[in-house]
Amino acid sequence: MKKTIITLIVIIASVTTTNLFAQVPPPPPPDHNQSGNQPGGNAPISGGLFILIGLGVAYGSKKLYDLNKEKLED
C-alpha cells in the first residue's frame, strides 16, 4: 500500500512540475558572446574548473586511502 502511495505522489509531482521546464528562456542581450567585461558575455571557468578537479582528486584519494586501510586491517 505504501509503495502505491509513494508512486502516486511521485507521478503527481512530476506531472505538476513539467510546466517549469517548458518555459522559453529570455533572449540573450544584444552584445552577447563578445570578448570583454560585458553582461552576458564569456565567463571564465578556469579557476572554478581547477577547484572542482582538485576536489575530485582529493575525494578519490581519500576513498583509495580508506579502501587500502580497510584491506590492511582485514
N, C-alpha and C. Protein backbone atom coordinates (compact mmCIF):
# COMPACT_ATOMS: atom_id res chain seq x y z
N MET A 1 0.83 -1.19 0.00
CA MET A 1 0.00 0.00 0.00
C MET A 1 0.87 1.25 0.00
N LYS A 2 1.94 1.23 0.83
CA LYS A 2 2.81 2.40 0.89
C LYS A 2 3.52 2.64 -0.44
N LYS A 3 3.89 1.56 -1.10
CA LYS A 3 4.60 1.68 -2.37
C LYS A 3 3.70 2.33 -3.41
N THR A 4 2.41 2.01 -3.40
CA THR A 4 1.47 2.60 -4.36
C THR A 4 1.28 4.08 -4.08
N ILE A 5 1.20 4.45 -2.81
CA ILE A 5 1.01 5.85 -2.46
C ILE A 5 2.25 6.66 -2.84
N ILE A 6 3.42 6.12 -2.58
CA ILE A 6 4.65 6.83 -2.93
C ILE A 6 4.77 6.98 -4.45
N THR A 7 4.43 5.93 -5.19
CA THR A 7 4.46 6.00 -6.65
C THR A 7 3.48 7.05 -7.16
N LEU A 8 2.31 7.10 -6.58
CA LEU A 8 1.31 8.09 -6.97
C LEU A 8 1.79 9.50 -6.68
N ILE A 9 2.42 9.72 -5.54
CA ILE A 9 2.94 11.04 -5.19
C ILE A 9 4.04 11.46 -6.17
N VAL A 10 4.91 10.53 -6.53
CA VAL A 10 5.99 10.84 -7.48
C VAL A 10 5.42 11.19 -8.85
N ILE A 11 4.42 10.46 -9.29
CA ILE A 11 3.81 10.74 -10.59
C ILE A 11 3.13 12.10 -10.59
N ILE A 12 2.40 12.40 -9.54
CA ILE A 12 1.71 13.70 -9.45
C ILE A 12 2.72 14.84 -9.41
N ALA A 13 3.80 14.66 -8.64
CA ALA A 13 4.82 15.71 -8.53
C ALA A 13 5.51 15.94 -9.87
N SER A 14 5.79 14.88 -10.60
CA SER A 14 6.49 15.04 -11.89
C SER A 14 5.57 15.66 -12.93
N VAL A 15 4.29 15.35 -12.89
CA VAL A 15 3.35 15.92 -13.86
C VAL A 15 3.12 17.40 -13.58
N THR A 16 3.04 17.78 -12.32
CA THR A 16 2.74 19.18 -12.00
C THR A 16 3.96 20.09 -12.19
N THR A 17 5.17 19.54 -12.13
CA THR A 17 6.35 20.39 -12.31
C THR A 17 6.85 20.42 -13.74
N THR A 18 6.18 19.75 -14.65
CA THR A 18 6.62 19.74 -16.05
C THR A 18 6.50 21.13 -16.65
N ASN A 19 5.58 21.92 -16.21
CA ASN A 19 5.41 23.27 -16.74
C ASN A 19 6.63 24.14 -16.46
N LEU A 20 7.34 23.87 -15.40
CA LEU A 20 8.51 24.67 -15.07
C LEU A 20 9.62 24.47 -16.10
N PHE A 21 9.71 23.30 -16.68
CA PHE A 21 10.76 23.02 -17.65
C PHE A 21 10.36 23.45 -19.06
N ALA A 22 9.10 23.75 -19.29
CA ALA A 22 8.63 24.04 -20.64
C ALA A 22 8.66 25.53 -20.96
N GLN A 23 9.19 26.37 -20.08
CA GLN A 23 9.20 27.80 -20.32
C GLN A 23 10.31 28.18 -21.30
N VAL A 24 10.05 29.15 -22.11
CA VAL A 24 11.02 29.62 -23.10
C VAL A 24 12.01 30.55 -22.40
N PRO A 25 13.32 30.36 -22.59
CA PRO A 25 14.28 31.25 -21.94
C PRO A 25 14.26 32.63 -22.58
N PRO A 26 14.67 33.66 -21.84
CA PRO A 26 14.69 35.00 -22.42
C PRO A 26 15.78 35.12 -23.48
N PRO A 27 15.63 36.03 -24.42
CA PRO A 27 16.65 36.18 -25.46
C PRO A 27 17.95 36.75 -24.86
N PRO A 28 19.09 36.43 -25.45
CA PRO A 28 20.34 36.95 -24.93
C PRO A 28 20.46 38.46 -25.19
N PRO A 29 21.30 39.14 -24.44
CA PRO A 29 21.48 40.58 -24.68
C PRO A 29 22.09 40.83 -26.06
N PRO A 30 21.96 42.04 -26.58
CA PRO A 30 22.46 42.30 -27.94
C PRO A 30 23.97 42.12 -28.09
N ASP A 31 24.74 42.37 -27.05
CA ASP A 31 26.19 42.23 -27.15
C ASP A 31 26.65 40.87 -26.63
N HIS A 32 25.84 39.86 -26.80
CA HIS A 32 26.13 38.53 -26.30
C HIS A 32 27.29 37.88 -27.04
N ASN A 33 28.15 37.19 -26.30
CA ASN A 33 29.24 36.38 -26.84
C ASN A 33 30.35 37.20 -27.47
N GLN A 34 30.58 38.39 -26.95
CA GLN A 34 31.71 39.19 -27.40
C GLN A 34 32.74 39.23 -26.28
N SER A 35 33.97 39.47 -26.63
CA SER A 35 35.01 39.49 -25.60
C SER A 35 34.89 40.76 -24.76
N GLY A 36 35.47 40.70 -23.58
CA GLY A 36 35.43 41.84 -22.69
C GLY A 36 34.49 41.62 -21.53
N ASN A 37 34.44 42.61 -20.68
CA ASN A 37 33.59 42.53 -19.49
C ASN A 37 32.22 43.10 -19.81
N GLN A 38 31.41 42.34 -20.49
CA GLN A 38 30.09 42.77 -20.88
C GLN A 38 29.06 41.83 -20.29
N PRO A 39 27.89 42.33 -19.94
CA PRO A 39 26.88 41.43 -19.38
C PRO A 39 26.45 40.38 -20.40
N GLY A 40 26.43 39.15 -19.98
CA GLY A 40 26.04 38.06 -20.85
C GLY A 40 27.16 37.58 -21.76
N GLY A 41 28.36 38.11 -21.57
CA GLY A 41 29.49 37.73 -22.42
C GLY A 41 30.11 36.43 -21.94
N ASN A 42 31.33 36.18 -22.35
CA ASN A 42 32.03 34.96 -21.99
C ASN A 42 32.42 34.98 -20.52
N ALA A 43 32.19 33.90 -19.83
CA ALA A 43 32.54 33.80 -18.42
C ALA A 43 33.75 32.87 -18.28
N PRO A 44 34.78 33.30 -17.55
CA PRO A 44 35.93 32.42 -17.37
C PRO A 44 35.59 31.27 -16.43
N ILE A 45 35.99 30.05 -16.80
CA ILE A 45 35.70 28.90 -15.95
C ILE A 45 36.97 28.24 -15.44
N SER A 46 38.13 28.82 -15.77
CA SER A 46 39.38 28.15 -15.44
C SER A 46 39.57 27.99 -13.93
N GLY A 47 39.33 29.03 -13.14
CA GLY A 47 39.53 28.94 -11.69
C GLY A 47 38.60 27.92 -11.05
N GLY A 48 37.34 27.97 -11.39
CA GLY A 48 36.38 27.03 -10.84
C GLY A 48 36.62 25.61 -11.30
N LEU A 49 37.08 25.47 -12.53
CA LEU A 49 37.36 24.14 -13.07
C LEU A 49 38.50 23.48 -12.31
N PHE A 50 39.55 24.24 -12.02
CA PHE A 50 40.68 23.69 -11.27
C PHE A 50 40.28 23.33 -9.84
N ILE A 51 39.40 24.11 -9.25
CA ILE A 51 38.92 23.80 -7.90
C ILE A 51 38.14 22.50 -7.92
N LEU A 52 37.26 22.33 -8.91
CA LEU A 52 36.47 21.11 -8.99
C LEU A 52 37.35 19.89 -9.25
N ILE A 53 38.34 20.03 -10.12
CA ILE A 53 39.25 18.91 -10.38
C ILE A 53 40.04 18.57 -9.13
N GLY A 54 40.51 19.60 -8.42
CA GLY A 54 41.25 19.37 -7.18
C GLY A 54 40.41 18.67 -6.13
N LEU A 55 39.16 19.09 -6.00
CA LEU A 55 38.27 18.44 -5.03
C LEU A 55 37.99 16.99 -5.43
N GLY A 56 37.86 16.73 -6.72
CA GLY A 56 37.64 15.36 -7.19
C GLY A 56 38.84 14.48 -6.91
N VAL A 57 40.05 15.02 -7.12
CA VAL A 57 41.27 14.26 -6.83
C VAL A 57 41.38 13.99 -5.34
N ALA A 58 41.08 15.00 -4.52
CA ALA A 58 41.15 14.82 -3.07
C ALA A 58 40.15 13.77 -2.60
N TYR A 59 38.94 13.81 -3.14
CA TYR A 59 37.92 12.84 -2.74
C TYR A 59 38.32 11.43 -3.17
N GLY A 60 38.81 11.29 -4.39
CA GLY A 60 39.25 9.98 -4.87
C GLY A 60 40.42 9.45 -4.06
N SER A 61 41.35 10.32 -3.69
CA SER A 61 42.49 9.90 -2.88
C SER A 61 42.04 9.42 -1.51
N LYS A 62 41.09 10.12 -0.93
CA LYS A 62 40.56 9.72 0.38
C LYS A 62 39.88 8.37 0.29
N LYS A 63 39.10 8.14 -0.77
CA LYS A 63 38.42 6.86 -0.94
C LYS A 63 39.44 5.73 -1.11
N LEU A 64 40.50 5.96 -1.90
CA LEU A 64 41.54 4.94 -2.08
C LEU A 64 42.28 4.67 -0.78
N TYR A 65 42.55 5.72 -0.02
CA TYR A 65 43.23 5.57 1.27
C TYR A 65 42.39 4.72 2.22
N ASP A 66 41.08 5.03 2.29
CA ASP A 66 40.19 4.27 3.16
C ASP A 66 40.08 2.82 2.71
N LEU A 67 40.05 2.57 1.41
CA LEU A 67 39.96 1.22 0.87
C LEU A 67 41.23 0.42 1.21
N ASN A 68 42.39 1.03 1.03
CA ASN A 68 43.64 0.34 1.36
C ASN A 68 43.77 0.12 2.86
N LYS A 69 43.33 1.09 3.65
CA LYS A 69 43.39 0.95 5.12
C LYS A 69 42.49 -0.20 5.56
N GLU A 70 41.32 -0.35 4.94
CA GLU A 70 40.39 -1.42 5.26
C GLU A 70 40.97 -2.79 4.89
N LYS A 71 41.65 -2.85 3.74
CA LYS A 71 42.26 -4.12 3.32
C LYS A 71 43.39 -4.52 4.24
N LEU A 72 44.17 -3.56 4.75
CA LEU A 72 45.27 -3.87 5.64
C LEU A 72 44.77 -4.36 7.01
N GLU A 73 43.61 -3.86 7.44
CA GLU A 73 43.05 -4.27 8.73
C GLU A 73 42.49 -5.69 8.66
N ASP A 74 42.05 -6.12 7.50
CA ASP A 74 41.46 -7.46 7.36
C ASP A 74 42.49 -8.50 7.23
